[in-house]
Amino acid sequence: MAVSNGMSVRTDIPGLMSLPELVETIGFGKSQVCILILACGPFFAEGLELLLVSLLTPSISENLRVDGPSGGVMLCLVLCGACLGNVLSGPVSDLIGRQPPIIVGYATVIVFSILSSFMNSLTSIGVIRFFVGLGFGIGQPAALVLLSEVVPKSYSLASVVATPFAVGLGALVAGTIV
């Protein structure tokens, strides 16, 4: 067995293609477009989150009667969650595959974003927002690696580079909502 792109590939069976060879043979099609769109989700969530928190922090701080610097803690905790999620994503993805961390990331962002709307103290909002950050932090690296594994080499760079544009799109959507 040989190792290619971090995956075990059987090379001892005549006529059997390795996964990278199969991806190159199939090319770029509907499946890769779907995966690209889904891989952009965690990045879209990040852009949406960062702009919404930035825009809503003064209003939330005023409602909770906290000073400006304390309100900034919410944004800081989101980013701390994202950092921890990024660190955890690699080992978890290597252990259980790329898709579960992406799915868990999506679910975490959705559940904890909804929960944050019910919180009534800065501490509880900060803790919940930490988990929102953790969600998109777990999903981002796994999504990038999955994308690079299923897209032919000629499209790989363009596909991976396209994902950060989802951050801007998320911010644009957040700006139109608020």
Protein backbone atom coordinates (compact mmCIF):
# COMPACT_ATOMS: atom_id res chain seq x y z
CA MET A 1 0.00 0.00 0.00
CA ALA A 2 1.17 3.48 -0.82
CA VAL A 3 0.13 6.70 0.84
CA SER A 4 -1.14 9.57 -1.31
CA ASN A 5 -2.56 12.83 0.08
CA GLY A 6 -2.65 11.28 3.55
CA MET A 7 -4.83 8.36 2.38
CA SER A 8 -3.91 4.72 2.10
CA VAL A 9 -4.10 3.60 -1.49
CA ARG A 10 -3.97 -0.01 -2.65
CA THR A 11 -1.51 -0.25 -5.51
CA ASP A 12 -1.07 -4.01 -5.53
CA ILE A 13 -4.29 -4.75 -7.47
CA PRO A 14 -3.85 -4.48 -11.26
CA GLY A 15 -6.25 -2.04 -12.91
CA LEU A 16 -7.33 -0.43 -9.62
CA MET A 17 -7.01 3.35 -9.64
CA SER A 18 -5.99 5.33 -6.61
CA LEU A 19 -8.47 7.91 -5.31
CA PRO A 20 -6.47 10.88 -6.65
CA GLU A 21 -6.31 9.19 -10.07
CA LEU A 22 -10.05 8.57 -9.97
CA VAL A 23 -10.74 12.21 -9.07
CA GLU A 24 -8.58 13.34 -11.99
CA THR A 25 -10.39 10.94 -14.34
CA ILE A 26 -13.87 12.05 -13.24
CA GLY A 27 -13.02 15.74 -13.39
CA PHE A 28 -14.96 18.70 -12.00
CA GLY A 29 -18.73 18.24 -12.05
CA LYS A 30 -21.94 18.68 -10.07
CA SER A 31 -20.66 16.78 -7.04
CA GLN A 32 -17.62 19.01 -6.72
CA VAL A 33 -19.81 22.12 -7.09
CA CYS A 34 -22.08 20.83 -4.28
CA ILE A 35 -19.10 20.10 -2.05
CA LEU A 36 -17.65 23.55 -2.83
CA ILE A 37 -20.93 25.20 -1.80
CA LEU A 38 -21.14 23.13 1.39
CA ALA A 39 -17.46 23.78 2.15
CA CYS A 40 -18.16 27.51 1.98
CA GLY A 41 -20.77 27.21 4.77
CA PRO A 42 -18.42 27.52 7.75
CA PHE A 43 -16.75 30.51 6.12
CA PHE A 44 -20.12 32.12 5.36
CA ALA A 45 -21.08 31.58 9.03
CA GLU A 46 -17.88 33.29 10.14
CA GLY A 47 -18.54 36.39 8.02
CA LEU A 48 -22.14 36.51 9.17
CA GLU A 49 -21.15 36.06 12.80
CA LEU A 50 -18.37 38.62 12.86
CA LEU A 51 -20.41 41.38 11.27
CA LEU A 52 -23.56 40.64 13.28
CA VAL A 53 -21.67 40.61 16.57
CA SER A 54 -19.87 43.81 15.62
CA LEU A 55 -23.10 45.56 14.68
CA LEU A 56 -25.19 44.26 17.57
CA THR A 57 -22.66 44.59 20.42
CA PRO A 58 -23.54 48.24 21.22
CA SER A 59 -27.26 47.44 21.31
CA ILE A 60 -26.77 44.30 23.42
CA SER A 61 -24.42 46.15 25.78
CA GLU A 62 -26.98 48.91 26.22
CA ASN A 63 -29.80 46.42 26.92
CA LEU A 64 -27.70 44.53 29.44
CA ARG A 65 -26.31 47.77 30.93
CA VAL A 66 -22.64 46.86 30.46
CA ASP A 67 -19.80 49.11 29.39
CA GLY A 68 -18.19 49.06 25.92
CA PRO A 69 -15.09 47.00 26.70
CA SER A 70 -17.18 44.29 28.35
CA GLY A 71 -19.28 44.03 25.21
CA GLY A 72 -16.12 43.43 23.19
CA VAL A 73 -15.64 40.22 25.15
CA MET A 74 -18.41 38.64 23.03
CA LEU A 75 -16.39 39.06 19.85
CA CYS A 76 -13.24 37.88 21.58
CA LEU A 77 -14.94 34.70 22.82
CA VAL A 78 -16.27 33.90 19.34
CA LEU A 79 -12.74 34.13 17.96
CA CYS A 80 -11.33 32.05 20.84
CA GLY A 81 -13.91 29.36 20.03
CA ALA A 82 -12.93 29.49 16.37
CA CYS A 83 -9.25 29.08 17.25
CA LEU A 84 -9.95 26.07 19.45
CA GLY A 85 -12.18 24.60 16.74
CA ASN A 86 -9.41 25.03 14.16
CA VAL A 87 -6.94 23.25 16.44
CA LEU A 88 -9.33 20.37 17.15
CA SER A 89 -10.51 19.94 13.56
CA GLY A 90 -7.35 18.33 12.19
CA PRO A 91 -6.96 15.50 14.69
CA VAL A 92 -10.72 14.86 14.79
CA SER A 93 -10.94 14.81 10.98
CA ASP A 94 -8.02 12.42 10.74
CA LEU A 95 -9.65 10.14 13.29
CA ILE A 96 -13.27 10.03 12.06
CA GLY A 97 -13.19 11.54 8.56
CA ARG A 98 -13.83 14.96 7.06
CA GLN A 99 -17.62 14.98 6.90
CA PRO A 100 -18.53 14.51 10.60
CA PRO A 101 -16.67 17.65 11.78
CA ILE A 102 -18.34 19.66 9.02
CA ILE A 103 -21.79 18.39 9.99
CA VAL A 104 -21.10 18.90 13.72
CA GLY A 105 -19.83 22.40 12.89
CA TYR A 106 -23.03 23.28 11.04
CA ALA A 107 -25.21 21.87 13.83
CA THR A 108 -23.21 23.64 16.54
CA VAL A 109 -23.47 27.01 14.79
CA ILE A 110 -27.22 26.64 14.26
CA VAL A 111 -28.09 25.39 17.75
CA PHE A 112 -25.90 27.82 19.68
CA SER A 113 -26.87 30.79 17.50
CA ILE A 114 -30.51 30.12 18.31
CA LEU A 115 -29.69 29.61 22.00
CA SER A 116 -27.82 32.92 22.16
CA SER A 117 -31.02 34.80 21.36
CA PHE A 118 -32.51 33.54 24.64
CA MET A 119 -29.59 34.58 26.86
CA ASN A 120 -30.04 37.53 29.22
CA SER A 121 -26.56 38.17 30.61
CA LEU A 122 -23.23 39.04 29.06
CA THR A 123 -21.63 35.95 30.60
CA SER A 124 -24.20 33.56 29.16
CA ILE A 125 -24.06 35.24 25.74
CA GLY A 126 -20.26 35.06 25.79
CA VAL A 127 -20.23 31.35 26.63
CA ILE A 128 -22.82 30.54 23.97
CA ARG A 129 -21.00 32.63 21.35
CA PHE A 130 -17.79 30.74 22.20
CA PHE A 131 -19.54 27.56 21.07
CA VAL A 132 -20.75 29.27 17.89
CA GLY A 133 -17.11 30.10 17.12
CA LEU A 134 -16.12 26.54 17.99
CA GLY A 135 -18.67 25.30 15.44
CA PHE A 136 -17.39 27.22 12.48
CA GLY A 137 -13.81 26.68 13.66
CA ILE A 138 -14.26 22.90 13.57
CA GLY A 139 -15.89 23.01 10.15
CA GLN A 140 -13.44 25.23 8.27
CA PRO A 141 -10.26 23.09 8.14
CA ALA A 142 -12.22 19.89 7.52
CA ALA A 143 -14.12 21.56 4.68
CA LEU A 144 -10.91 22.80 3.05
CA VAL A 145 -9.25 19.40 3.23
CA LEU A 146 -12.34 17.58 1.95
CA LEU A 147 -12.57 20.04 -0.91
CA SER A 148 -8.92 19.59 -1.85
CA GLU A 149 -9.37 15.79 -1.82
CA VAL A 150 -12.37 15.64 -4.16
CA VAL A 151 -11.48 18.32 -6.69
CA PRO A 152 -9.06 17.66 -9.57
CA LYS A 153 -5.66 19.32 -9.17
CA SER A 154 -6.37 21.79 -11.96
CA TYR A 155 -9.36 23.15 -9.97
CA SER A 156 -8.05 22.59 -6.45
CA LEU A 157 -6.38 25.95 -5.90
CA ALA A 158 -9.30 27.93 -7.33
CA SER A 159 -11.78 25.96 -5.22
CA VAL A 160 -9.88 26.39 -1.98
CA VAL A 161 -9.23 30.08 -2.66
CA ALA A 162 -12.96 30.59 -3.36
CA THR A 163 -13.96 29.64 0.20
CA PRO A 164 -12.77 32.86 1.87
CA PHE A 165 -15.07 34.79 -0.46
CA ALA A 166 -17.89 33.18 1.51
CA VAL A 167 -16.72 35.22 4.54
CA GLY A 168 -17.41 38.39 2.58
CA LEU A 169 -20.73 37.04 1.35
CA GLY A 170 -21.74 36.21 4.94
CA ALA A 171 -20.83 39.73 6.03
CA LEU A 172 -22.81 41.14 3.10
CA VAL A 173 -25.87 39.13 4.09
CA ALA A 174 -25.47 40.22 7.74
CA GLY A 175 -25.23 43.83 6.64
CA THR A 176 -28.47 43.59 4.67
CA ILE A 177 -30.28 41.90 7.59
CA VAL A 178 -29.34 44.56 10.13
